[in-house]
């Protein structure tokens, strides 16, 4: 067993808000998010940046990596809870294929504070 994939995360997927006319909006209802626990993944620091404008914001990047042969039901707009942090999926989830078979999954995550 490798020591790399020892972390547990919770994925959150929220439905879109429906307006008073019954139309689905682009806003998510995080109070109704479904939560799924995912074990044996690796979450590693990626990159960070500090805002230079009027707002003192820090954007911290993270990378989630699954072990070989494991995929995660995750997509843009979803969130991850890890080690007391709430992280947004940043962009598309990357699914790596080798020899015609799924090898592993990676995605970038980001946390904005300030």
PDB file of N, CA and C in Angstrom:
ATOM      1  N   UNK A   1       0.847  -1.184   0.000  1.00  0.00           N
ATOM      2  CA  UNK A   1       0.000   0.000   0.000  1.00  0.00           C
ATOM      3  C   UNK A   1       0.889   1.244   0.000  1.00  0.00           C
ATOM      4  N   UNK A   2       0.516   2.192  -0.796  1.00  0.00           N
ATOM      5  CA  UNK A   2       1.276   3.435  -0.879  1.00  0.00           C
ATOM      6  C   UNK A   2       0.826   4.416   0.202  1.00  0.00           C
ATOM      7  N   UNK A   3       1.723   5.247   0.631  1.00  0.00           N
ATOM      8  CA  UNK A   3       1.400   6.255   1.637  1.00  0.00           C
ATOM      9  C   UNK A   3       0.809   7.514   1.021  1.00  0.00           C
ATOM     10  N   UNK A   4       0.753   7.576  -0.299  1.00  0.00           N
ATOM     11  CA  UNK A   4       0.287   8.779  -0.976  1.00  0.00           C
ATOM     12  C   UNK A   4      -1.228   8.959  -0.880  1.00  0.00           C
ATOM     13  N   UNK A   5      -1.992   7.901  -0.968  1.00  0.00           N
ATOM     14  CA  UNK A   5      -3.458   7.998  -1.054  1.00  0.00           C
ATOM     15  C   UNK A   5      -4.091   7.668   0.293  1.00  0.00           C
ATOM     16  N   UNK A   6      -3.873   8.519   1.267  1.00  0.00           N
ATOM     17  CA  UNK A   6      -4.346   8.254   2.625  1.00  0.00           C
ATOM     18  C   UNK A   6      -5.400   9.241   3.097  1.00  0.00           C
ATOM     19  N   UNK A   7      -5.833  10.134   2.226  1.00  0.00           N
ATOM     20  CA  UNK A   7      -6.751  11.186   2.644  1.00  0.00           C
ATOM     21  C   UNK A   7      -8.192  10.866   2.248  1.00  0.00           C
ATOM     22  N   UNK A   8      -9.117  11.478   2.970  1.00  0.00           N
ATOM     23  CA  UNK A   8     -10.545  11.344   2.705  1.00  0.00           C
ATOM     24  C   UNK A   8     -11.117  12.729   2.438  1.00  0.00           C
ATOM     25  N   UNK A   9     -11.959  12.829   1.413  1.00  0.00           N
ATOM     26  CA  UNK A   9     -12.638  14.085   1.088  1.00  0.00           C
ATOM     27  C   UNK A   9     -14.136  13.829   1.003  1.00  0.00           C
ATOM     28  N   UNK A  10     -14.896  14.899   1.019  1.00  0.00           N
ATOM     29  CA  UNK A  10     -16.336  14.823   0.793  1.00  0.00           C
ATOM     30  C   UNK A  10     -16.644  15.673  -0.428  1.00  0.00           C
ATOM     31  N   UNK A  11     -17.286  15.069  -1.435  1.00  0.00           N
ATOM     32  CA  UNK A  11     -17.689  15.839  -2.611  1.00  0.00           C
ATOM     33  C   UNK A  11     -19.083  16.404  -2.360  1.00  0.00           C
ATOM     34  N   UNK A  12     -19.313  17.608  -2.857  1.00  0.00           N
ATOM     35  CA  UNK A  12     -20.615  18.255  -2.741  1.00  0.00           C
ATOM     36  C   UNK A  12     -21.093  18.645  -4.133  1.00  0.00           C
ATOM     37  N   UNK A  13     -22.309  18.240  -4.441  1.00  0.00           N
ATOM     38  CA  UNK A  13     -22.929  18.618  -5.713  1.00  0.00           C
ATOM     39  C   UNK A  13     -24.295  19.218  -5.400  1.00  0.00           C
ATOM     40  N   UNK A  14     -24.470  20.478  -5.763  1.00  0.00           N
ATOM     41  CA  UNK A  14     -25.706  21.193  -5.449  1.00  0.00           C
ATOM     42  C   UNK A  14     -26.574  21.327  -6.692  1.00  0.00           C
ATOM     43  N   UNK A  15     -27.892  21.203  -6.518  1.00  0.00           N
ATOM     44  CA  UNK A  15     -28.787  21.432  -7.654  1.00  0.00           C
ATOM     45  C   UNK A  15     -28.855  22.923  -7.973  1.00  0.00           C
ATOM     46  N   UNK A  16     -29.287  23.212  -9.181  1.00  0.00           N
ATOM     47  CA  UNK A  16     -29.464  24.607  -9.572  1.00  0.00           C
ATOM     48  C   UNK A  16     -30.769  25.141  -8.983  1.00  0.00           C
ATOM     49  N   UNK A  17     -30.772  26.423  -8.644  1.00  0.00           N
ATOM     50  CA  UNK A  17     -31.960  27.083  -8.119  1.00  0.00           C
ATOM     51  C   UNK A  17     -32.969  27.229  -9.249  1.00  0.00           C
ATOM     52  N   UNK A  18     -34.236  26.990  -8.936  1.00  0.00           N
ATOM     53  CA  UNK A  18     -35.321  27.172  -9.903  1.00  0.00           C
ATOM     54  C   UNK A  18     -36.032  28.474  -9.547  1.00  0.00           C
ATOM     55  N   UNK A  19     -36.204  29.344 -10.552  1.00  0.00           N
ATOM     56  CA  UNK A  19     -36.846  30.631 -10.276  1.00  0.00           C
ATOM     57  C   UNK A  19     -38.357  30.467 -10.143  1.00  0.00           C
ATOM     58  N   UNK A  20     -39.044  31.552  -9.869  1.00  0.00           N
ATOM     59  CA  UNK A  20     -40.487  31.485  -9.616  1.00  0.00           C
ATOM     60  C   UNK A  20     -41.299  31.079 -10.841  1.00  0.00           C
ATOM     61  N   UNK A  21     -40.675  31.105 -12.015  1.00  0.00           N
ATOM     62  CA  UNK A  21     -41.364  30.690 -13.237  1.00  0.00           C
ATOM     63  C   UNK A  21     -41.068  29.237 -13.595  1.00  0.00           C
ATOM     64  N   UNK A  22     -40.278  28.572 -12.769  1.00  0.00           N
ATOM     65  CA  UNK A  22     -39.949  27.175 -13.020  1.00  0.00           C
ATOM     66  C   UNK A  22     -38.716  26.970 -13.881  1.00  0.00           C
ATOM     67  N   UNK A  23     -37.972  28.039 -14.136  1.00  0.00           N
ATOM     68  CA  UNK A  23     -36.761  27.935 -14.954  1.00  0.00           C
ATOM     69  C   UNK A  23     -35.539  27.682 -14.078  1.00  0.00           C
ATOM     70  N   UNK A  24     -34.673  26.808 -14.541  1.00  0.00           N
ATOM     71  CA  UNK A  24     -33.437  26.527 -13.830  1.00  0.00           C
ATOM     72  C   UNK A  24     -32.455  27.674 -14.059  1.00  0.00           C
ATOM     73  N   UNK A  25     -31.869  28.193 -12.984  1.00  0.00           N
ATOM     74  CA  UNK A  25     -30.900  29.285 -13.088  1.00  0.00           C
ATOM     75  C   UNK A  25     -29.484  28.712 -13.091  1.00  0.00           C
ATOM     76  N   UNK A  26     -28.506  29.588 -13.111  1.00  0.00           N
ATOM     77  CA  UNK A  26     -27.108  29.148 -13.050  1.00  0.00           C
ATOM     78  C   UNK A  26     -26.566  29.203 -11.619  1.00  0.00           C
ATOM     79  N   UNK A  27     -27.429  29.557 -10.674  1.00  0.00           N
ATOM     80  CA  UNK A  27     -27.045  29.640  -9.261  1.00  0.00           C
ATOM     81  C   UNK A  27     -27.296  28.290  -8.596  1.00  0.00           C
ATOM     82  N   UNK A  28     -26.365  27.852  -7.770  1.00  0.00           N
ATOM     83  CA  UNK A  28     -26.514  26.560  -7.082  1.00  0.00           C
ATOM     84  C   UNK A  28     -27.096  26.750  -5.682  1.00  0.00           C
ATOM     85  N   UNK A  29     -27.902  25.770  -5.256  1.00  0.00           N
ATOM     86  CA  UNK A  29     -28.502  25.769  -3.924  1.00  0.00           C
ATOM     87  C   UNK A  29     -27.672  24.853  -3.024  1.00  0.00           C
ATOM     88  N   UNK A  30     -26.660  25.415  -2.375  1.00  0.00           N
ATOM     89  CA  UNK A  30     -25.731  24.610  -1.571  1.00  0.00           C
ATOM     90  C   UNK A  30     -26.370  24.066  -0.308  1.00  0.00           C
ATOM     91  N   UNK A  31     -27.541  24.582   0.079  1.00  0.00           N
ATOM     92  CA  UNK A  31     -28.228  24.020   1.247  1.00  0.00           C
ATOM     93  C   UNK A  31     -28.819  22.650   0.935  1.00  0.00           C
ATOM     94  N   UNK A  32     -28.965  22.316  -0.337  1.00  0.00           N
ATOM     95  CA  UNK A  32     -29.525  21.018  -0.753  1.00  0.00           C
ATOM     96  C   UNK A  32     -28.487  20.141  -1.452  1.00  0.00           C
ATOM     97  N   UNK A  33     -27.233  20.401  -1.208  1.00  0.00           N
ATOM     98  CA  UNK A  33     -26.159  19.647  -1.872  1.00  0.00           C
ATOM     99  C   UNK A  33     -26.126  18.200  -1.390  1.00  0.00           C
ATOM    100  N   UNK A  34     -25.834  17.290  -2.319  1.00  0.00           N
ATOM    101  CA  UNK A  34     -25.605  15.894  -1.947  1.00  0.00           C
ATOM    102  C   UNK A  34     -24.141  15.743  -1.573  1.00  0.00           C
ATOM    103  N   UNK A  35     -23.904  14.941  -0.554  1.00  0.00           N
ATOM    104  CA  UNK A  35     -22.556  14.755  -0.019  1.00  0.00           C
ATOM    105  C   UNK A  35     -22.146  13.301  -0.219  1.00  0.00           C
ATOM    106  N   UNK A  36     -20.938  13.112  -0.756  1.00  0.00           N
ATOM    107  CA  UNK A  36     -20.407  11.772  -0.980  1.00  0.00           C
ATOM    108  C   UNK A  36     -18.990  11.707  -0.430  1.00  0.00           C
ATOM    109  N   UNK A  37     -18.745  10.744   0.430  1.00  0.00           N
ATOM    110  CA  UNK A  37     -17.409  10.563   0.995  1.00  0.00           C
ATOM    111  C   UNK A  37     -16.553   9.752   0.034  1.00  0.00           C
ATOM    112  N   UNK A  38     -15.354  10.231  -0.221  1.00  0.00           N
ATOM    113  CA  UNK A  38     -14.405   9.544  -1.107  1.00  0.00           C
ATOM    114  C   UNK A  38     -13.123   9.313  -0.311  1.00  0.00           C
ATOM    115  N   UNK A  39     -12.741   8.056  -0.195  1.00  0.00           N
ATOM    116  CA  UNK A  39     -11.560   7.692   0.596  1.00  0.00           C
ATOM    117  C   UNK A  39     -10.382   7.338  -0.300  1.00  0.00           C
ATOM    118  N   UNK A  40      -9.202   7.359   0.289  1.00  0.00           N
ATOM    119  CA  UNK A  40      -7.963   6.946  -0.359  1.00  0.00           C
ATOM    120  C   UNK A  40      -7.643   7.776  -1.602  1.00  0.00           C
ATOM    121  N   UNK A  41      -7.635   9.096  -1.410  1.00  0.00           N
ATOM    122  CA  UNK A  41      -7.204  10.020  -2.462  1.00  0.00           C
ATOM    123  C   UNK A  41      -6.023  10.814  -1.921  1.00  0.00           C
ATOM    124  N   UNK A  42      -5.428  11.611  -2.782  1.00  0.00           N
ATOM    125  CA  UNK A  42      -4.341  12.493  -2.384  1.00  0.00           C
ATOM    126  C   UNK A  42      -4.732  13.921  -2.728  1.00  0.00           C
ATOM    127  N   UNK A  43      -4.622  14.822  -1.767  1.00  0.00           N
ATOM    128  CA  UNK A  43      -4.864  16.245  -1.994  1.00  0.00           C
ATOM    129  C   UNK A  43      -3.561  16.962  -1.668  1.00  0.00           C
ATOM    130  N   UNK A  44      -2.996  17.607  -2.684  1.00  0.00           N
ATOM    131  CA  UNK A  44      -1.680  18.232  -2.558  1.00  0.00           C
ATOM    132  C   UNK A  44      -1.759  19.721  -2.887  1.00  0.00           C
ATOM    133  N   UNK A  45      -0.922  20.545  -2.237  1.00  0.00           N
ATOM    134  CA  UNK A  45      -0.880  21.968  -2.586  1.00  0.00           C
ATOM    135  C   UNK A  45      -0.429  22.146  -4.031  1.00  0.00           C
ATOM    136  N   UNK A  46      -0.981  23.157  -4.697  1.00  0.00           N
ATOM    137  CA  UNK A  46      -0.648  23.389  -6.101  1.00  0.00           C
ATOM    138  C   UNK A  46       0.034  24.741  -6.266  1.00  0.00           C
ATOM    139  N   UNK A  47      -0.730  25.807  -6.233  1.00  0.00           N
ATOM    140  CA  UNK A  47      -0.161  27.145  -6.387  1.00  0.00           C
ATOM    141  C   UNK A  47      -1.054  28.129  -5.654  1.00  0.00           C
ATOM    142  N   UNK A  48      -0.543  29.313  -5.380  1.00  0.00           N
ATOM    143  CA  UNK A  48      -1.357  30.324  -4.729  1.00  0.00           C
ATOM    144  C   UNK A  48      -0.998  31.698  -5.266  1.00  0.00           C
ATOM    145  N   UNK A  49      -1.927  32.628  -5.061  1.00  0.00           N
ATOM    146  CA  UNK A  49      -1.717  34.001  -5.520  1.00  0.00           C
ATOM    147  C   UNK A  49      -2.430  34.940  -4.565  1.00  0.00           C
ATOM    148  N   UNK A  50      -1.883  36.124  -4.415  1.00  0.00           N
ATOM    149  CA  UNK A  50      -2.496  37.150  -3.583  1.00  0.00           C
ATOM    150  C   UNK A  50      -3.048  38.250  -4.467  1.00  0.00           C
ATOM    151  N   UNK A  51      -4.233  38.738  -4.102  1.00  0.00           N
ATOM    152  CA  UNK A  51      -4.836  39.832  -4.836  1.00  0.00           C
ATOM    153  C   UNK A  51      -4.086  41.128  -4.597  1.00  0.00           C
ATOM    154  N   UNK A  52      -4.049  41.983  -5.610  1.00  0.00           N
ATOM    155  CA  UNK A  52      -3.333  43.252  -5.480  1.00  0.00           C
ATOM    156  C   UNK A  52      -4.269  44.449  -5.523  1.00  0.00           C
ATOM    157  N   UNK A  53      -5.556  44.205  -5.624  1.00  0.00           N
ATOM    158  CA  UNK A  53      -6.511  45.305  -5.703  1.00  0.00           C
ATOM    159  C   UNK A  53      -6.951  45.775  -4.330  1.00  0.00           C
ATOM    160  N   UNK A  54      -8.177  46.307  -4.270  1.00  0.00           N
ATOM    161  CA  UNK A  54      -8.728  46.818  -3.020  1.00  0.00           C
ATOM    162  C   UNK A  54      -9.043  45.705  -2.029  1.00  0.00           C
ATOM    163  N   UNK A  55      -9.214  44.509  -2.527  1.00  0.00           N
ATOM    164  CA  UNK A  55      -9.570  43.372  -1.679  1.00  0.00           C
ATOM    165  C   UNK A  55      -8.327  42.528  -1.416  1.00  0.00           C
ATOM    166  N   UNK A  56      -8.062  42.264  -0.161  1.00  0.00           N
ATOM    167  CA  UNK A  56      -6.896  41.442   0.200  1.00  0.00           C
ATOM    168  C   UNK A  56      -7.276  39.967   0.116  1.00  0.00           C
ATOM    169  N   UNK A  57      -7.332  39.439  -1.092  1.00  0.00           N
ATOM    170  CA  UNK A  57      -7.747  38.054  -1.307  1.00  0.00           C
ATOM    171  C   UNK A  57      -6.534  37.169  -1.558  1.00  0.00           C
ATOM    172  N   UNK A  58      -6.655  35.942  -1.089  1.00  0.00           N
ATOM    173  CA  UNK A  58      -5.644  34.929  -1.368  1.00  0.00           C
ATOM    174  C   UNK A  58      -6.345  33.760  -2.046  1.00  0.00           C
ATOM    175  N   UNK A  59      -5.850  33.366  -3.210  1.00  0.00           N
ATOM    176  CA  UNK A  59      -6.383  32.212  -3.928  1.00  0.00           C
ATOM    177  C   UNK A  59      -5.354  31.098  -3.796  1.00  0.00           C
ATOM    178  N   UNK A  60      -5.771  30.010  -3.154  1.00  0.00           N
ATOM    179  CA  UNK A  60      -4.879  28.882  -2.933  1.00  0.00           C
ATOM    180  C   UNK A  60      -5.318  27.719  -3.803  1.00  0.00           C
ATOM    181  N   UNK A  61      -4.389  27.155  -4.534  1.00  0.00           N
ATOM    182  CA  UNK A  61      -4.685  26.032  -5.408  1.00  0.00           C
ATOM    183  C   UNK A  61      -4.315  24.708  -4.766  1.00  0.00           C
ATOM    184  N   UNK A  62      -5.095  23.696  -5.077  1.00  0.00           N
ATOM    185  CA  UNK A  62      -4.872  22.336  -4.601  1.00  0.00           C
ATOM    186  C   UNK A  62      -5.081  21.392  -5.771  1.00  0.00           C
ATOM    187  N   UNK A  63      -4.578  20.190  -5.656  1.00  0.00           N
ATOM    188  CA  UNK A  63      -4.776  19.179  -6.692  1.00  0.00           C
ATOM    189  C   UNK A  63      -5.240  17.888  -6.027  1.00  0.00           C
ATOM    190  N   UNK A  64      -6.363  17.352  -6.501  1.00  0.00           N
ATOM    191  CA  UNK A  64      -6.874  16.071  -6.030  1.00  0.00           C
ATOM    192  C   UNK A  64      -6.461  15.002  -7.033  1.00  0.00           C
ATOM    193  N   UNK A  65      -5.904  13.907  -6.540  1.00  0.00           N
ATOM    194  CA  UNK A  65      -5.434  12.814  -7.396  1.00  0.00           C
ATOM    195  C   UNK A  65      -5.976  11.508  -6.833  1.00  0.00           C
ATOM    196  N   UNK A  66      -6.585  10.687  -7.702  1.00  0.00           N
ATOM    197  CA  UNK A  66      -7.061   9.377  -7.254  1.00  0.00           C
ATOM    198  C   UNK A  66      -5.982   8.327  -7.483  1.00  0.00           C
ATOM    199  N   UNK A  67      -6.126   7.206  -6.823  1.00  0.00           N
ATOM    200  CA  UNK A  67      -5.185   6.111  -7.044  1.00  0.00           C
ATOM    201  C   UNK A  67      -5.507   5.434  -8.373  1.00  0.00           C
ATOM    202  N   UNK A  68      -4.620   4.588  -8.817  1.00  0.00           N
ATOM    203  CA  UNK A  68      -4.746   3.932 -10.122  1.00  0.00           C
ATOM    204  C   UNK A  68      -6.053   3.141 -10.215  1.00  0.00           C
ATOM    205  N   UNK A  69      -6.758   3.339 -11.342  1.00  0.00           N
ATOM    206  CA  UNK A  69      -7.988   2.612 -11.617  1.00  0.00           C
ATOM    207  C   UNK A  69      -9.237   3.183 -10.985  1.00  0.00           C
ATOM    208  N   UNK A  70      -9.113   4.282 -10.260  1.00  0.00           N
ATOM    209  CA  UNK A  70     -10.259   4.849  -9.539  1.00  0.00           C
ATOM    210  C   UNK A  70     -10.690   6.160 -10.185  1.00  0.00           C
ATOM    211  N   UNK A  71     -11.999   6.280 -10.417  1.00  0.00           N
ATOM    212  CA  UNK A  71     -12.580   7.517 -10.923  1.00  0.00           C
ATOM    213  C   UNK A  71     -13.470   8.092  -9.827  1.00  0.00           C
ATOM    214  N   UNK A  72     -13.743   9.371  -9.903  1.00  0.00           N
ATOM    215  CA  UNK A  72     -14.604  10.056  -8.947  1.00  0.00           C
ATOM    216  C   UNK A  72     -15.668  10.796  -9.732  1.00  0.00           C
ATOM    217  N   UNK A  73     -16.922  10.703  -9.289  1.00  0.00           N
ATOM    218  CA  UNK A  73     -18.008  11.436  -9.930  1.00  0.00           C
ATOM    219  C   UNK A  73     -17.898  12.894  -9.502  1.00  0.00           C
ATOM    220  N   UNK A  74     -17.209  13.668 -10.313  1.00  0.00           N
ATOM    221  CA  UNK A  74     -16.888  15.046  -9.979  1.00  0.00           C
ATOM    222  C   UNK A  74     -16.847  15.857 -11.259  1.00  0.00           C
ATOM    223  N   UNK A  75     -17.320  17.086 -11.200  1.00  0.00           N
ATOM    224  CA  UNK A  75     -17.307  17.927 -12.390  1.00  0.00           C
ATOM    225  C   UNK A  75     -17.198  19.397 -12.028  1.00  0.00           C
ATOM    226  N   UNK A  76     -17.077  20.255 -13.043  1.00  0.00           N
ATOM    227  CA  UNK A  76     -17.019  21.697 -12.794  1.00  0.00           C
ATOM    228  C   UNK A  76     -18.262  22.148 -12.027  1.00  0.00           C
ATOM    229  N   UNK A  77     -18.080  23.037 -11.081  1.00  0.00           N
ATOM    230  CA  UNK A  77     -19.202  23.517 -10.284  1.00  0.00           C
ATOM    231  C   UNK A  77     -19.385  22.764  -8.981  1.00  0.00           C
ATOM    232  N   UNK A  78     -18.752  21.598  -8.839  1.00  0.00           N
ATOM    233  CA  UNK A  78     -18.829  20.846  -7.590  1.00  0.00           C
ATOM    234  C   UNK A  78     -17.844  21.425  -6.584  1.00  0.00           C
ATOM    235  N   UNK A  79     -17.973  20.983  -5.355  1.00  0.00           N
ATOM    236  CA  UNK A  79     -17.064  21.416  -4.294  1.00  0.00           C
ATOM    237  C   UNK A  79     -16.520  20.204  -3.551  1.00  0.00           C
ATOM    238  N   UNK A  80     -15.423  20.435  -2.845  1.00  0.00           N
ATOM    239  CA  UNK A  80     -14.772  19.401  -2.041  1.00  0.00           C
ATOM    240  C   UNK A  80     -14.564  19.954  -0.637  1.00  0.00           C
ATOM    241  N   UNK A  81     -14.874  19.148   0.364  1.00  0.00           N
ATOM    242  CA  UNK A  81     -14.499  19.469   1.737  1.00  0.00           C
ATOM    243  C   UNK A  81     -13.290  18.620   2.082  1.00  0.00           C
ATOM    244  N   UNK A  82     -12.237  19.272   2.553  1.00  0.00           N
ATOM    245  CA  UNK A  82     -11.020  18.546   2.918  1.00  0.00           C
ATOM    246  C   UNK A  82     -10.285  19.292   4.018  1.00  0.00           C
ATOM    247  N   UNK A  83      -9.997  18.603   5.099  1.00  0.00           N
ATOM    248  CA  UNK A  83      -9.198  19.150   6.202  1.00  0.00           C
ATOM    249  C   UNK A  83      -9.722  20.507   6.683  1.00  0.00           C
ATOM    250  N   UNK A  84     -11.045  20.622   6.787  1.00  0.00           N
ATOM    251  CA  UNK A  84     -11.643  21.858   7.268  1.00  0.00           C
ATOM    252  C   UNK A  84     -11.745  22.961   6.241  1.00  0.00           C
ATOM    253  N   UNK A  85     -11.389  22.678   5.006  1.00  0.00           N
ATOM    254  CA  UNK A  85     -11.446  23.673   3.932  1.00  0.00           C
ATOM    255  C   UNK A  85     -12.578  23.339   2.966  1.00  0.00           C
ATOM    256  N   UNK A  86     -13.165  24.374   2.383  1.00  0.00           N
ATOM    257  CA  UNK A  86     -14.158  24.213   1.332  1.00  0.00           C
ATOM    258  C   UNK A  86     -13.513  24.663   0.035  1.00  0.00           C
ATOM    259  N   UNK A  87     -13.353  23.737  -0.898  1.00  0.00           N
ATOM    260  CA  UNK A  87     -12.617  23.987  -2.139  1.00  0.00           C
ATOM    261  C   UNK A  87     -13.546  23.841  -3.336  1.00  0.00           C
ATOM    262  N   UNK A  88     -13.417  24.736  -4.309  1.00  0.00           N
ATOM    263  CA  UNK A  88     -14.191  24.666  -5.551  1.00  0.00           C
ATOM    264  C   UNK A  88     -13.403  23.895  -6.600  1.00  0.00           C
ATOM    265  N   UNK A  89     -14.101  23.054  -7.379  1.00  0.00           N
ATOM    266  CA  UNK A  89     -13.454  22.414  -8.524  1.00  0.00           C
ATOM    267  C   UNK A  89     -13.162  23.513  -9.532  1.00  0.00           C
ATOM    268  N   UNK A  90     -11.931  23.593  -9.981  1.00  0.00           N
ATOM    269  CA  UNK A  90     -11.469  24.660 -10.867  1.00  0.00           C
ATOM    270  C   UNK A  90     -11.247  24.089 -12.264  1.00  0.00           C
ATOM    271  N   UNK A  91     -12.237  24.255 -13.139  1.00  0.00           N
ATOM    272  CA  UNK A  91     -12.116  23.749 -14.511  1.00  0.00           C
ATOM    273  C   UNK A  91     -12.597  22.315 -14.643  1.00  0.00           C
ATOM    274  N   UNK A  92     -12.222  21.697 -15.750  1.00  0.00           N
ATOM    275  CA  UNK A  92     -12.641  20.324 -16.028  1.00  0.00           C
ATOM    276  C   UNK A  92     -11.835  19.325 -15.214  1.00  0.00           C
ATOM    277  N   UNK A  93     -12.478  18.222 -14.896  1.00  0.00           N
ATOM    278  CA  UNK A  93     -11.813  17.111 -14.227  1.00  0.00           C
ATOM    279  C   UNK A  93     -11.091  16.305 -15.300  1.00  0.00           C
ATOM    280  N   UNK A  94      -9.838  15.957 -15.045  1.00  0.00           N
ATOM    281  CA  UNK A  94      -9.012  15.240 -16.029  1.00  0.00           C
ATOM    282  C   UNK A  94      -9.005  13.750 -15.715  1.00  0.00           C
ATOM    283  N   UNK A  95      -9.397  12.957 -16.692  1.00  0.00           N
ATOM    284  CA  UNK A  95      -9.393  11.501 -16.550  1.00  0.00           C
ATOM    285  C   UNK A  95      -8.335  10.943 -17.495  1.00  0.00           C
ATOM    286  N   UNK A  96      -7.300  10.355 -16.924  1.00  0.00           N
ATOM    287  CA  UNK A  96      -6.159   9.867 -17.700  1.00  0.00           C
ATOM    288  C   UNK A  96      -6.376   8.419 -18.110  1.00  0.00           C
ATOM    289  N   UNK A  97      -6.086   8.144 -19.386  1.00  0.00           N
ATOM    290  CA  UNK A  97      -6.263   6.808 -19.953  1.00  0.00           C
ATOM    291  C   UNK A  97      -4.917   6.318 -20.462  1.00  0.00           C
ATOM    292  N   UNK A  98      -4.565   5.103 -20.108  1.00  0.00           N
ATOM    293  CA  UNK A  98      -3.353   4.450 -20.609  1.00  0.00           C
ATOM    294  C   UNK A  98      -3.729   3.080 -21.145  1.00  0.00           C
ATOM    295  N   UNK A  99      -3.316   2.792 -22.358  1.00  0.00           N
ATOM    296  CA  UNK A  99      -3.617   1.490 -22.950  1.00  0.00           C
ATOM    297  C   UNK A  99      -5.098   1.235 -23.105  1.00  0.00           C
ATOM    298  N   UNK A 100      -5.874   2.300 -23.307  1.00  0.00           N
ATOM    299  CA  UNK A 100      -7.312   2.151 -23.504  1.00  0.00           C
ATOM    300  C   UNK A 100      -8.105   1.981 -22.216  1.00  0.00           C
ATOM    301  N   UNK A 101      -7.453   2.074 -21.069  1.00  0.00           N
ATOM    302  CA  UNK A 101      -8.143   1.902 -19.790  1.00  0.00           C
ATOM    303  C   UNK A 101      -7.922   3.134 -18.904  1.00  0.00           C
ATOM    304  N   UNK A 102      -8.921   3.399 -18.086  1.00  0.00           N
ATOM    305  CA  UNK A 102      -8.812   4.513 -17.145  1.00  0.00           C
ATOM    306  C   UNK A 102      -7.658   4.243 -16.179  1.00  0.00           C
ATOM    307  N   UNK A 103      -6.766   5.204 -16.058  1.00  0.00           N
ATOM    308  CA  UNK A 103      -5.625   5.043 -15.153  1.00  0.00           C
ATOM    309  C   UNK A 103      -5.873   5.742 -13.812  1.00  0.00           C
ATOM    310  N   UNK A 104      -6.151   7.050 -13.858  1.00  0.00           N
ATOM    311  CA  UNK A 104      -6.462   7.791 -12.643  1.00  0.00           C
ATOM    312  C   UNK A 104      -7.150   9.100 -13.010  1.00  0.00           C
ATOM    313  N   UNK A 105      -7.640   9.794 -11.999  1.00  0.00           N
ATOM    314  CA  UNK A 105      -8.346  11.057 -12.186  1.00  0.00           C
ATOM    315  C   UNK A 105      -7.635  12.148 -11.388  1.00  0.00           C
ATOM    316  N   UNK A 106      -7.564  13.336 -11.981  1.00  0.00           N
ATOM    317  CA  UNK A 106      -6.998  14.498 -11.295  1.00  0.00           C
ATOM    318  C   UNK A 106      -7.909  15.693 -11.518  1.00  0.00           C
ATOM    319  N   UNK A 107      -7.934  16.584 -10.542  1.00  0.00           N
ATOM    320  CA  UNK A 107      -8.613  17.859 -10.759  1.00  0.00           C
ATOM    321  C   UNK A 107      -7.958  18.927  -9.909  1.00  0.00           C
ATOM    322  N   UNK A 108      -8.028  20.134 -10.421  1.00  0.00           N
ATOM    323  CA  UNK A 108      -7.527  21.286  -9.678  1.00  0.00           C
ATOM    324  C   UNK A 108      -8.664  21.820  -8.815  1.00  0.00           C
ATOM    325  N   UNK A 109      -8.286  22.252  -7.632  1.00  0.00           N
ATOM    326  CA  UNK A 109      -9.229  22.826  -6.685  1.00  0.00           C
ATOM    327  C   UNK A 109      -8.713  24.202  -6.294  1.00  0.00           C
ATOM    328  N   UNK A 110      -9.611  25.072  -5.861  1.00  0.00           N
ATOM    329  CA  UNK A 110      -9.146  26.378  -5.398  1.00  0.00           C
ATOM    330  C   UNK A 110      -9.975  26.834  -4.212  1.00  0.00           C
ATOM    331  N   UNK A 111      -9.305  27.582  -3.379  1.00  0.00           N
ATOM    332  CA  UNK A 111      -9.923  28.168  -2.196  1.00  0.00           C
ATOM    333  C   UNK A 111      -9.638  29.664  -2.233  1.00  0.00           C
ATOM    334  N   UNK A 112     -10.682  30.464  -2.111  1.00  0.00           N
ATOM    335  CA  UNK A 112     -10.521  31.919  -2.114  1.00  0.00           C
ATOM    336  C   UNK A 112     -10.854  32.419  -0.715  1.00  0.00           C
ATOM    337  N   UNK A 113      -9.922  33.137  -0.126  1.00  0.00           N
ATOM    338  CA  UNK A 113     -10.171  33.708   1.200  1.00  0.00           C
ATOM    339  C   UNK A 113      -9.840  35.197   1.177  1.00  0.00           C
ATOM    340  N   UNK A 114     -10.562  35.938   1.981  1.00  0.00           N
ATOM    341  CA  UNK A 114     -10.332  37.375   2.070  1.00  0.00           C
ATOM    342  C   UNK A 114     -11.234  38.182   1.204  1.00  0.00           C
TER     343      UNK A 114
END
